[in-house]
Amino acid sequence: MTPGLITETGLYRNAAPGLVDRLTQFSGGRSSAMGADTAVWLASDPQLAGMTDKFFEERLELACDFRGVQNEEKLWRICESLVNN
């Protein structure tokens, strides 16, 4: 699952100038409470007990495009390009 982009945590305090702006162009920003909502829901809803191998954002199951070694490497390159620009 992804909590989304949570900028208020200070995680990005040492990020390259403009990185947070570039990231928020794609996904917007979310509060810590909004980011935690899906994780808390997944951990506490009895109907989801034992569920594995799924990807969630904002309580919605999404297809994960980055399964398998080749796709994981592709995701890593995308992340590196965002950080290193």
N, C-alpha and C. Protein backbone atom coordinates (compact mmCIF):
# COMPACT_ATOMS: atom_id res chain seq x y z
N MET A 1 0.84 -1.16 0.00
CA MET A 1 0.00 0.00 0.00
C MET A 1 0.88 1.22 0.00
N THR A 2 0.31 2.29 -0.42
CA THR A 2 1.05 3.55 -0.41
C THR A 2 0.26 4.57 0.40
N PRO A 3 0.96 5.32 1.26
CA PRO A 3 0.27 6.36 1.99
C PRO A 3 0.08 7.63 1.15
N GLY A 4 0.72 7.67 0.00
CA GLY A 4 0.71 8.89 -0.79
C GLY A 4 1.86 9.79 -0.37
N LEU A 5 1.91 10.96 -0.91
CA LEU A 5 2.99 11.90 -0.64
C LEU A 5 2.64 12.71 0.61
N ILE A 6 3.36 12.45 1.69
CA ILE A 6 3.14 13.14 2.96
C ILE A 6 4.32 14.09 3.17
N THR A 7 4.12 15.36 2.89
CA THR A 7 5.23 16.31 2.98
C THR A 7 5.40 16.89 4.38
N GLU A 8 4.40 16.80 5.23
CA GLU A 8 4.46 17.44 6.54
C GLU A 8 5.33 16.68 7.55
N THR A 9 5.82 15.50 7.19
CA THR A 9 6.60 14.69 8.13
C THR A 9 8.05 15.14 8.24
N GLY A 10 8.52 15.93 7.31
CA GLY A 10 9.92 16.32 7.30
C GLY A 10 10.80 15.33 6.55
N LEU A 11 10.21 14.28 6.01
CA LEU A 11 10.97 13.28 5.27
C LEU A 11 11.74 13.92 4.11
N TYR A 12 11.21 14.95 3.54
CA TYR A 12 11.82 15.58 2.37
C TYR A 12 12.64 16.82 2.72
N ARG A 13 12.96 17.01 3.97
CA ARG A 13 13.65 18.23 4.40
C ARG A 13 15.01 18.40 3.74
N ASN A 14 15.67 17.33 3.36
CA ASN A 14 16.98 17.41 2.72
C ASN A 14 16.93 17.10 1.23
N ALA A 15 15.74 17.11 0.68
CA ALA A 15 15.57 16.78 -0.74
C ALA A 15 16.12 17.91 -1.61
N ALA A 16 16.48 17.54 -2.81
CA ALA A 16 16.95 18.52 -3.77
C ALA A 16 15.88 19.59 -3.98
N PRO A 17 16.31 20.82 -4.20
CA PRO A 17 15.33 21.89 -4.42
C PRO A 17 14.38 21.53 -5.57
N GLY A 18 13.11 21.73 -5.33
CA GLY A 18 12.11 21.48 -6.35
C GLY A 18 11.59 20.05 -6.39
N LEU A 19 12.23 19.12 -5.67
CA LEU A 19 11.78 17.73 -5.72
C LEU A 19 10.34 17.58 -5.24
N VAL A 20 10.02 18.16 -4.10
CA VAL A 20 8.66 18.04 -3.57
C VAL A 20 7.66 18.67 -4.53
N ASP A 21 8.03 19.79 -5.12
CA ASP A 21 7.14 20.42 -6.10
C ASP A 21 6.87 19.49 -7.29
N ARG A 22 7.92 18.82 -7.78
CA ARG A 22 7.74 17.89 -8.91
C ARG A 22 6.86 16.71 -8.51
N LEU A 23 7.09 16.18 -7.30
CA LEU A 23 6.29 15.05 -6.85
C LEU A 23 4.83 15.42 -6.65
N THR A 24 4.57 16.60 -6.10
CA THR A 24 3.19 16.99 -5.86
C THR A 24 2.44 17.28 -7.16
N GLN A 25 3.16 17.57 -8.23
CA GLN A 25 2.51 17.76 -9.53
C GLN A 25 1.82 16.47 -9.96
N PHE A 26 2.41 15.32 -9.60
CA PHE A 26 1.87 14.03 -10.01
C PHE A 26 0.81 13.51 -9.06
N SER A 27 1.01 13.73 -7.76
CA SER A 27 0.13 13.05 -6.81
C SER A 27 -0.50 13.96 -5.77
N GLY A 28 -0.19 15.22 -5.78
CA GLY A 28 -0.72 16.10 -4.74
C GLY A 28 -0.07 15.80 -3.41
N GLY A 29 -0.52 16.40 -2.38
CA GLY A 29 0.01 16.16 -1.04
C GLY A 29 -1.10 15.68 -0.13
N ARG A 30 -0.71 14.96 0.91
CA ARG A 30 -1.70 14.42 1.84
C ARG A 30 -1.22 14.68 3.26
N SER A 31 -2.16 14.74 4.19
CA SER A 31 -1.81 14.88 5.60
C SER A 31 -1.36 13.53 6.14
N SER A 32 -0.72 13.53 7.29
CA SER A 32 -0.31 12.27 7.92
C SER A 32 -1.51 11.39 8.21
N ALA A 33 -2.59 11.99 8.68
CA ALA A 33 -3.80 11.22 8.98
C ALA A 33 -4.37 10.58 7.71
N MET A 34 -4.38 11.32 6.63
CA MET A 34 -4.88 10.77 5.37
C MET A 34 -3.98 9.62 4.90
N GLY A 35 -2.68 9.79 5.07
CA GLY A 35 -1.74 8.75 4.66
C GLY A 35 -1.86 7.49 5.49
N ALA A 36 -2.17 7.64 6.77
CA ALA A 36 -2.28 6.49 7.67
C ALA A 36 -3.61 5.76 7.51
N ASP A 37 -4.60 6.40 6.96
CA ASP A 37 -5.95 5.83 6.91
C ASP A 37 -5.98 4.43 6.28
N THR A 38 -5.38 4.27 5.12
CA THR A 38 -5.44 2.97 4.44
C THR A 38 -4.69 1.90 5.23
N ALA A 39 -3.53 2.24 5.79
CA ALA A 39 -2.76 1.26 6.57
C ALA A 39 -3.55 0.80 7.79
N VAL A 40 -4.19 1.74 8.48
CA VAL A 40 -4.99 1.39 9.65
C VAL A 40 -6.18 0.53 9.24
N TRP A 41 -6.82 0.90 8.16
CA TRP A 41 -7.96 0.13 7.64
C TRP A 41 -7.54 -1.29 7.29
N LEU A 42 -6.42 -1.44 6.56
CA LEU A 42 -5.95 -2.77 6.18
C LEU A 42 -5.61 -3.63 7.40
N ALA A 43 -5.05 -2.99 8.42
CA ALA A 43 -4.64 -3.74 9.61
C ALA A 43 -5.79 -4.08 10.55
N SER A 44 -6.88 -3.33 10.46
CA SER A 44 -7.93 -3.50 11.47
C SER A 44 -9.26 -4.05 10.96
N ASP A 45 -9.49 -4.06 9.67
CA ASP A 45 -10.77 -4.54 9.15
C ASP A 45 -10.77 -6.07 9.10
N PRO A 46 -11.63 -6.72 9.87
CA PRO A 46 -11.66 -8.19 9.91
C PRO A 46 -11.93 -8.82 8.54
N GLN A 47 -12.64 -8.12 7.67
CA GLN A 47 -12.94 -8.67 6.35
C GLN A 47 -11.69 -8.79 5.48
N LEU A 48 -10.62 -8.09 5.87
CA LEU A 48 -9.38 -8.11 5.08
C LEU A 48 -8.33 -9.03 5.69
N ALA A 49 -8.66 -9.70 6.76
CA ALA A 49 -7.70 -10.57 7.45
C ALA A 49 -7.16 -11.63 6.48
N GLY A 50 -5.85 -11.77 6.46
CA GLY A 50 -5.21 -12.77 5.62
C GLY A 50 -5.02 -12.36 4.17
N MET A 51 -5.49 -11.19 3.79
CA MET A 51 -5.33 -10.75 2.41
C MET A 51 -3.85 -10.43 2.16
N THR A 52 -3.34 -10.96 1.06
CA THR A 52 -1.95 -10.70 0.69
C THR A 52 -1.86 -10.46 -0.81
N ASP A 53 -0.71 -9.98 -1.24
CA ASP A 53 -0.41 -9.83 -2.66
C ASP A 53 -1.33 -8.84 -3.36
N LYS A 54 -1.72 -7.80 -2.63
CA LYS A 54 -2.59 -6.76 -3.19
C LYS A 54 -1.92 -5.40 -2.95
N PHE A 55 -2.31 -4.41 -3.73
CA PHE A 55 -1.77 -3.06 -3.59
C PHE A 55 -2.93 -2.10 -3.41
N PHE A 56 -2.84 -1.25 -2.39
CA PHE A 56 -3.93 -0.33 -2.06
C PHE A 56 -3.45 1.12 -1.95
N GLU A 57 -4.33 2.02 -2.33
CA GLU A 57 -4.15 3.45 -2.10
C GLU A 57 -5.54 4.03 -1.87
N GLU A 58 -5.67 4.82 -0.83
CA GLU A 58 -6.95 5.43 -0.46
C GLU A 58 -8.07 4.39 -0.38
N ARG A 59 -7.77 3.26 0.25
CA ARG A 59 -8.71 2.15 0.46
C ARG A 59 -9.19 1.50 -0.83
N LEU A 60 -8.51 1.74 -1.91
CA LEU A 60 -8.88 1.13 -3.19
C LEU A 60 -7.77 0.19 -3.64
N GLU A 61 -8.15 -1.00 -4.10
CA GLU A 61 -7.17 -1.91 -4.65
C GLU A 61 -6.79 -1.43 -6.04
N LEU A 62 -5.51 -1.34 -6.28
CA LEU A 62 -5.00 -0.91 -7.58
C LEU A 62 -4.13 -2.01 -8.18
N ALA A 63 -4.11 -2.05 -9.48
CA ALA A 63 -3.18 -2.97 -10.15
C ALA A 63 -1.77 -2.47 -9.90
N CYS A 64 -0.86 -3.37 -9.64
CA CYS A 64 0.54 -3.00 -9.43
C CYS A 64 1.30 -3.30 -10.70
N ASP A 65 1.85 -2.27 -11.32
CA ASP A 65 2.56 -2.42 -12.59
C ASP A 65 4.02 -2.83 -12.41
N PHE A 66 4.48 -2.97 -11.18
CA PHE A 66 5.90 -3.17 -10.95
C PHE A 66 6.20 -4.50 -10.26
N ARG A 67 5.54 -5.56 -10.66
CA ARG A 67 5.81 -6.89 -10.10
C ARG A 67 6.84 -7.60 -10.99
N GLY A 68 7.74 -8.31 -10.36
CA GLY A 68 8.78 -9.02 -11.09
C GLY A 68 10.06 -8.21 -11.14
N VAL A 69 11.17 -8.90 -11.29
CA VAL A 69 12.50 -8.26 -11.22
C VAL A 69 12.66 -7.16 -12.26
N GLN A 70 12.29 -7.42 -13.49
CA GLN A 70 12.47 -6.43 -14.55
C GLN A 70 11.67 -5.16 -14.26
N ASN A 71 10.44 -5.30 -13.84
CA ASN A 71 9.61 -4.14 -13.54
C ASN A 71 10.06 -3.44 -12.26
N GLU A 72 10.56 -4.19 -11.29
CA GLU A 72 11.09 -3.57 -10.07
C GLU A 72 12.31 -2.73 -10.40
N GLU A 73 13.16 -3.21 -11.29
CA GLU A 73 14.32 -2.42 -11.73
C GLU A 73 13.87 -1.15 -12.45
N LYS A 74 12.84 -1.26 -13.24
CA LYS A 74 12.30 -0.09 -13.94
C LYS A 74 11.81 0.94 -12.92
N LEU A 75 11.09 0.49 -11.90
CA LEU A 75 10.61 1.39 -10.85
C LEU A 75 11.79 2.05 -10.14
N TRP A 76 12.83 1.28 -9.85
CA TRP A 76 14.00 1.83 -9.18
C TRP A 76 14.63 2.94 -10.03
N ARG A 77 14.75 2.73 -11.33
CA ARG A 77 15.32 3.76 -12.21
C ARG A 77 14.44 5.02 -12.22
N ILE A 78 13.14 4.84 -12.21
CA ILE A 78 12.23 6.01 -12.16
C ILE A 78 12.47 6.78 -10.87
N CYS A 79 12.53 6.08 -9.76
CA CYS A 79 12.75 6.74 -8.47
C CYS A 79 14.09 7.46 -8.44
N GLU A 80 15.13 6.81 -8.93
CA GLU A 80 16.45 7.45 -8.96
C GLU A 80 16.41 8.72 -9.81
N SER A 81 15.72 8.69 -10.94
CA SER A 81 15.67 9.87 -11.79
C SER A 81 14.95 11.02 -11.11
N LEU A 82 13.96 10.73 -10.30
CA LEU A 82 13.26 11.79 -9.57
C LEU A 82 14.14 12.41 -8.50
N VAL A 83 14.96 11.60 -7.88
CA VAL A 83 15.81 12.07 -6.79
C VAL A 83 17.06 12.77 -7.32
N ASN A 84 17.60 12.30 -8.43
CA ASN A 84 18.88 12.79 -8.92
C ASN A 84 18.78 13.95 -9.88
N ASN A 85 17.60 14.42 -10.19
CA ASN A 85 17.46 15.57 -11.12
C ASN A 85 17.51 16.87 -10.38
